Amino acid sequence: RELASTDSQIRDARALLADLQTQRCALVTVLDLVNNLHAPVRRLPVEILTIIFYLCVSSGRSREKAGIFDAVRIASVCASWRSTALADARLW
């Protein structure tokens, strides 16, 4: 009987641990999002970002081979970068 009680407590503790780990993961995700909002790159003017994107895409490679893939990668980072990249015809 005492063994069954101990086993039950272990199951409860494992369930609690799983719940706490899930909560921790959710909190880490939120913290990462908040930290990303304060990243210096988010304060760059769109004009500067556009120049950086163009330099990345046209940095010595032929546009036929890798340029379009670089532009797609840039546009896949976040919604802000996507709208900035799509608005600049030089990248495409």
Protein backbone atom coordinates (compact mmCIF):
# COMPACT_ATOMS: atom_id res chain seq x y z
CA ARG A 1 0.00 0.00 0.00
CA GLU A 2 2.82 2.43 0.81
CA LEU A 3 4.53 1.47 -2.46
CA ALA A 4 1.36 2.27 -4.44
CA SER A 5 1.12 5.63 -2.68
CA THR A 6 4.74 6.43 -3.51
CA ASP A 7 4.21 5.40 -7.15
CA SER A 8 1.19 7.68 -7.30
CA GLN A 9 3.21 10.59 -5.90
CA ILE A 10 5.94 9.95 -8.49
CA ARG A 11 3.33 10.01 -11.30
CA ASP A 12 1.91 13.25 -9.94
CA ALA A 13 5.39 14.77 -9.69
CA ARG A 14 6.19 13.74 -13.28
CA ALA A 15 2.93 15.27 -14.52
CA LEU A 16 3.70 18.48 -12.62
CA LEU A 17 7.23 18.53 -14.06
CA ALA A 18 5.85 18.12 -17.60
CA ASP A 19 3.41 21.00 -17.02
CA LEU A 20 6.16 23.21 -15.63
CA GLN A 21 8.44 22.42 -18.58
CA THR A 22 5.64 23.35 -20.98
CA GLN A 23 5.07 26.63 -19.13
CA ARG A 24 8.81 27.34 -19.18
CA CYS A 25 8.99 26.79 -22.95
CA ALA A 26 6.08 29.17 -23.46
CA LEU A 27 7.74 31.82 -21.28
CA VAL A 28 11.06 31.45 -23.13
CA THR A 29 9.22 31.94 -26.43
CA VAL A 30 7.55 35.12 -25.17
CA LEU A 31 10.84 36.40 -23.75
CA ASP A 32 12.58 35.79 -27.10
CA LEU A 33 9.84 37.72 -28.90
CA VAL A 34 10.11 40.64 -26.49
CA ASN A 35 13.90 40.69 -26.78
CA ASN A 36 13.65 40.64 -30.58
CA LEU A 37 11.43 43.71 -30.47
CA HIS A 38 14.32 45.63 -28.97
CA ALA A 39 16.97 44.41 -31.41
CA PRO A 40 18.98 47.27 -32.96
CA VAL A 41 18.16 46.10 -36.50
CA ARG A 42 14.50 46.94 -35.88
CA ARG A 43 15.43 50.60 -35.44
CA LEU A 44 17.10 50.89 -38.85
CA PRO A 45 15.27 53.07 -41.35
CA VAL A 46 13.67 51.17 -44.23
CA GLU A 47 15.98 52.95 -46.68
CA ILE A 48 19.07 51.54 -44.91
CA LEU A 49 17.55 48.05 -44.70
CA THR A 50 16.81 48.17 -48.41
CA ILE A 51 20.43 49.03 -49.19
CA ILE A 52 21.66 46.20 -46.96
CA PHE A 53 19.29 43.75 -48.61
CA TYR A 54 20.43 44.83 -52.06
CA LEU A 55 24.08 44.44 -51.11
CA CYS A 56 23.41 40.96 -49.72
CA VAL A 57 21.61 39.83 -52.86
CA SER A 58 24.10 41.32 -55.32
CA SER A 59 27.32 40.58 -53.44
CA GLY A 60 29.40 39.17 -56.29
CA ARG A 61 27.13 36.27 -57.23
CA SER A 62 25.21 35.92 -60.43
CA ARG A 63 21.59 36.89 -59.92
CA GLU A 64 20.42 33.93 -61.97
CA LYS A 65 21.95 31.40 -59.60
CA ALA A 66 21.74 32.58 -56.01
CA GLY A 67 20.37 36.11 -55.97
CA ILE A 68 16.71 35.17 -56.02
CA PHE A 69 17.24 32.60 -53.28
CA ASP A 70 18.96 35.20 -51.10
CA ALA A 71 16.04 37.56 -51.66
CA VAL A 72 13.59 34.83 -50.68
CA ARG A 73 15.61 34.10 -47.53
CA ILE A 74 15.63 37.77 -46.58
CA ALA A 75 11.89 38.03 -47.21
CA SER A 76 11.31 34.99 -44.99
CA VAL A 77 12.83 36.47 -41.83
CA CYS A 78 9.79 38.40 -40.58
CA ALA A 79 6.77 40.34 -41.82
CA SER A 80 8.60 43.66 -41.69
CA TRP A 81 11.53 42.37 -43.74
CA ARG A 82 9.13 40.68 -46.16
CA SER A 83 7.26 43.89 -46.90
CA THR A 84 10.54 45.82 -47.21
CA ALA A 85 12.08 43.23 -49.54
CA LEU A 86 8.97 42.87 -51.69
CA ALA A 87 8.76 46.64 -52.10
CA ASP A 88 12.25 46.81 -53.65
CA ALA A 89 12.15 45.64 -57.27
CA ARG A 90 15.98 45.51 -57.43
CA LEU A 91 15.97 42.37 -55.29
CA TRP A 92 13.81 40.46 -57.74
